[in-house]
N, C-alpha and C. Protein backbone atom coordinates (compact mmCIF):
# COMPACT_ATOMS: atom_id res chain seq x y z
N UNK A 1 34.23 25.04 -26.27
CA UNK A 1 34.11 23.71 -26.18
C UNK A 1 33.70 23.22 -24.70
N UNK A 2 33.73 24.67 -23.55
CA UNK A 2 33.26 23.99 -22.24
C UNK A 2 31.68 24.18 -22.35
N UNK A 3 31.12 25.00 -23.13
CA UNK A 3 29.37 25.33 -23.21
C UNK A 3 29.13 23.70 -23.52
N UNK A 4 29.88 23.38 -24.37
CA UNK A 4 29.13 22.15 -25.05
C UNK A 4 29.40 20.65 -24.45
N UNK A 5 30.44 20.72 -23.51
CA UNK A 5 30.61 19.48 -22.41
C UNK A 5 29.52 19.88 -21.36
N UNK A 6 29.26 21.11 -20.93
CA UNK A 6 28.33 21.28 -19.74
C UNK A 6 27.01 20.93 -20.16
N UNK A 7 26.51 21.50 -21.72
CA UNK A 7 25.60 21.01 -21.99
C UNK A 7 25.44 19.47 -22.08
N UNK A 8 26.05 18.62 -22.51
CA UNK A 8 26.26 17.10 -22.38
C UNK A 8 25.84 16.75 -20.96
N UNK A 9 26.68 17.16 -20.28
CA UNK A 9 26.58 16.69 -18.47
C UNK A 9 25.03 17.06 -18.26
N UNK A 10 24.76 18.21 -18.43
CA UNK A 10 23.35 18.19 -18.24
C UNK A 10 22.09 17.92 -18.79
N UNK A 11 22.50 17.24 -19.85
CA UNK A 11 21.34 16.37 -20.66
C UNK A 11 21.69 14.93 -19.96
N UNK A 12 22.86 14.54 -19.87
CA UNK A 12 23.02 13.01 -18.92
C UNK A 12 22.01 13.29 -17.61
N UNK A 13 22.29 14.22 -16.91
CA UNK A 13 21.94 14.31 -15.46
C UNK A 13 20.37 14.56 -15.85
N UNK A 14 19.85 15.18 -16.47
CA UNK A 14 18.35 15.15 -16.71
C UNK A 14 17.58 13.81 -17.14
N UNK A 15 18.72 12.78 -17.83
CA UNK A 15 18.09 11.75 -17.92
C UNK A 15 17.97 10.59 -16.74
N UNK A 16 19.00 10.94 -15.96
CA UNK A 16 19.07 10.43 -14.70
C UNK A 16 18.09 10.71 -13.70
N UNK A 17 17.76 11.97 -13.90
CA UNK A 17 16.89 12.51 -12.71
C UNK A 17 15.39 12.10 -13.13
N UNK A 18 15.33 11.90 -14.84
CA UNK A 18 13.89 11.44 -15.36
C UNK A 18 13.74 9.81 -14.92
N UNK A 19 15.08 9.13 -14.99
CA UNK A 19 14.92 7.85 -14.77
C UNK A 19 14.56 7.74 -13.07
N UNK A 20 15.12 8.56 -12.14
CA UNK A 20 14.89 8.13 -10.52
C UNK A 20 13.65 8.71 -10.47
N UNK A 21 12.83 9.44 -11.00
CA UNK A 21 11.60 9.83 -10.85
C UNK A 21 10.29 8.50 -11.52
N UNK A 22 10.70 8.45 -12.80
CA UNK A 22 9.88 7.28 -12.61
C UNK A 22 10.34 5.80 -11.72
N UNK A 23 11.42 5.67 -11.42
CA UNK A 23 11.63 4.78 -10.28
C UNK A 23 10.65 4.78 -9.12
N UNK A 24 10.73 6.16 -8.68
CA UNK A 24 10.53 6.83 -7.57
C UNK A 24 8.73 6.41 -7.58
N UNK A 25 8.30 6.97 -8.94
CA UNK A 25 6.49 6.97 -9.02
C UNK A 25 6.20 5.27 -8.90
N UNK A 26 7.09 4.45 -9.44
CA UNK A 26 6.46 2.90 -9.53
C UNK A 26 6.63 2.52 -7.83
N UNK A 27 7.49 3.12 -7.18
CA UNK A 27 7.91 2.63 -5.51
C UNK A 27 6.67 3.29 -4.92
N UNK A 28 6.38 4.37 -5.21
CA UNK A 28 5.13 5.00 -4.36
C UNK A 28 3.77 3.83 -4.79
N UNK A 29 3.50 3.84 -5.86
CA UNK A 29 2.16 2.89 -6.31
C UNK A 29 2.25 1.10 -6.01
N UNK A 30 3.59 0.87 -5.54
CA UNK A 30 3.66 -0.06 -5.01
C UNK A 30 3.06 -0.36 -3.74
N UNK A 31 3.81 0.93 -3.32
CA UNK A 31 3.56 1.11 -1.40
C UNK A 31 2.08 1.37 -1.14
N UNK A 32 1.60 2.04 -1.99
CA UNK A 32 0.09 2.22 -2.06
C UNK A 32 -0.82 0.98 -1.91
N UNK A 33 -0.43 0.38 -3.35
CA UNK A 33 -1.07 -1.01 -3.35
C UNK A 33 -0.91 -1.86 -1.96
N UNK A 34 -0.09 -2.16 -1.47
CA UNK A 34 0.42 -2.98 -0.42
C UNK A 34 -0.22 -1.88 0.61
N UNK A 35 -0.38 -0.89 0.58
CA UNK A 35 -1.09 -0.20 2.20
C UNK A 35 -2.68 -0.73 2.04
N UNK A 36 -2.97 -0.51 0.79
CA UNK A 36 -4.66 -0.70 0.53
C UNK A 36 -4.60 -2.29 0.68
N UNK A 37 -4.01 -3.07 0.56
CA UNK A 37 -4.27 -4.61 0.77
C UNK A 37 -4.13 -4.97 2.05
N UNK A 38 -3.29 -4.00 2.92
CA UNK A 38 -3.09 -4.45 4.22
C UNK A 38 -4.26 -4.01 4.62
N UNK A 39 -4.99 -2.70 4.58
CA UNK A 39 -6.17 -2.17 5.32
C UNK A 39 -6.93 -3.21 4.99
N UNK A 40 -7.54 -3.80 3.80
CA UNK A 40 -8.65 -4.26 3.43
C UNK A 40 -8.49 -6.18 4.08
N UNK A 41 -7.25 -6.49 4.66
CA UNK A 41 -6.70 -7.62 5.14
C UNK A 41 -7.21 -7.48 6.41
N UNK A 42 -7.27 -6.37 6.96
CA UNK A 42 -7.69 -5.87 8.59
C UNK A 42 -8.66 -5.58 8.91
N UNK A 43 -9.44 -5.04 7.96
CA UNK A 43 -10.69 -4.73 8.18
C UNK A 43 -11.52 -5.54 8.15
N UNK A 44 -11.51 -6.39 7.03
CA UNK A 44 -12.66 -7.09 6.32
C UNK A 44 -12.99 -8.22 7.61
N UNK A 45 -11.89 -8.78 8.07
CA UNK A 45 -12.13 -9.79 9.32
C UNK A 45 -12.53 -8.92 10.57
N UNK A 46 -12.29 -7.93 10.84
CA UNK A 46 -12.78 -7.35 11.76
C UNK A 46 -14.43 -6.73 11.80
N UNK A 47 -14.70 -6.49 10.37
CA UNK A 47 -16.04 -6.20 10.03
C UNK A 47 -16.91 -7.62 10.02
N UNK A 48 -16.26 -8.81 10.01
CA UNK A 48 -16.93 -9.89 10.13
C UNK A 48 -17.10 -10.36 11.85
N UNK A 49 -15.96 -9.91 12.07
CA UNK A 49 -16.30 -10.22 13.84
C UNK A 49 -17.33 -9.65 14.52
N UNK A 50 -17.38 -8.36 13.76
CA UNK A 50 -18.29 -7.48 14.63
C UNK A 50 -20.32 -8.31 14.43
N UNK A 51 -20.10 -8.88 13.36
CA UNK A 51 -21.51 -9.59 12.72
C UNK A 51 -21.33 -11.02 13.55
N UNK A 52 -20.13 -12.04 13.73
CA UNK A 52 -19.63 -13.21 14.26
C UNK A 52 -19.92 -13.27 15.71
N UNK A 53 -19.26 -12.39 16.32
CA UNK A 53 -19.27 -12.46 17.48
C UNK A 53 -20.78 -12.47 18.71
N UNK A 54 -21.73 -11.71 18.09
CA UNK A 54 -23.14 -11.61 18.78
C UNK A 54 -23.57 -13.41 18.32
N UNK A 55 -23.24 -13.45 17.32
CA UNK A 55 -24.32 -14.77 17.02
C UNK A 55 -23.35 -15.68 17.59
N UNK A 56 -22.11 -15.92 18.02
CA UNK A 56 -21.27 -17.01 19.10
C UNK A 56 -21.81 -16.54 20.50
N UNK A 57 -21.93 -15.38 20.68
CA UNK A 57 -22.49 -15.34 22.16
C UNK A 57 -23.47 -15.86 22.45
N UNK A 58 -24.58 -15.72 21.60
CA UNK A 58 -25.51 -16.05 21.60
C UNK A 58 -25.88 -17.71 21.82
N UNK A 59 -25.32 -18.66 20.70
CA UNK A 59 -25.18 -19.77 20.75
C UNK A 59 -24.65 -20.07 22.02
N UNK A 60 -23.59 -19.86 22.63
CA UNK A 60 -23.16 -19.93 23.72
C UNK A 60 -23.80 -19.66 24.95
N UNK A 61 -24.77 -18.88 24.85
CA UNK A 61 -25.61 -18.43 26.11
C UNK A 61 -26.70 -19.83 25.86
N UNK A 62 -27.11 -20.24 24.81
CA UNK A 62 -28.17 -21.22 24.45
C UNK A 62 -27.70 -22.22 24.79
N UNK A 63 -26.43 -22.69 24.98
CA UNK A 63 -25.62 -23.81 25.71
C UNK A 63 -25.96 -23.81 27.03
N UNK A 64 -25.59 -22.96 27.55
CA UNK A 64 -25.61 -22.80 29.26
C UNK A 64 -26.92 -23.13 29.58
N UNK A 65 -28.22 -22.73 29.03
CA UNK A 65 -29.20 -23.07 29.45
C UNK A 65 -29.75 -24.46 29.43
N UNK A 66 -29.32 -25.18 29.19
CA UNK A 66 -29.59 -26.57 28.92
C UNK A 66 -29.36 -27.47 30.36
């Protein structure tokens, strides 16, 4: 009788471990998505400033010559 009870408990634990694994994978994918979006939200404006700042400085320098 003890063997049967132990097997049932092990099966229950295996199901719980599988559920935790699935939850952890979903959380990992969510965090990965958040990191990717955060990097894109930071890098794209930075990349745009690389082109915008020289243009603004040229425009500002042209105004100073008037």
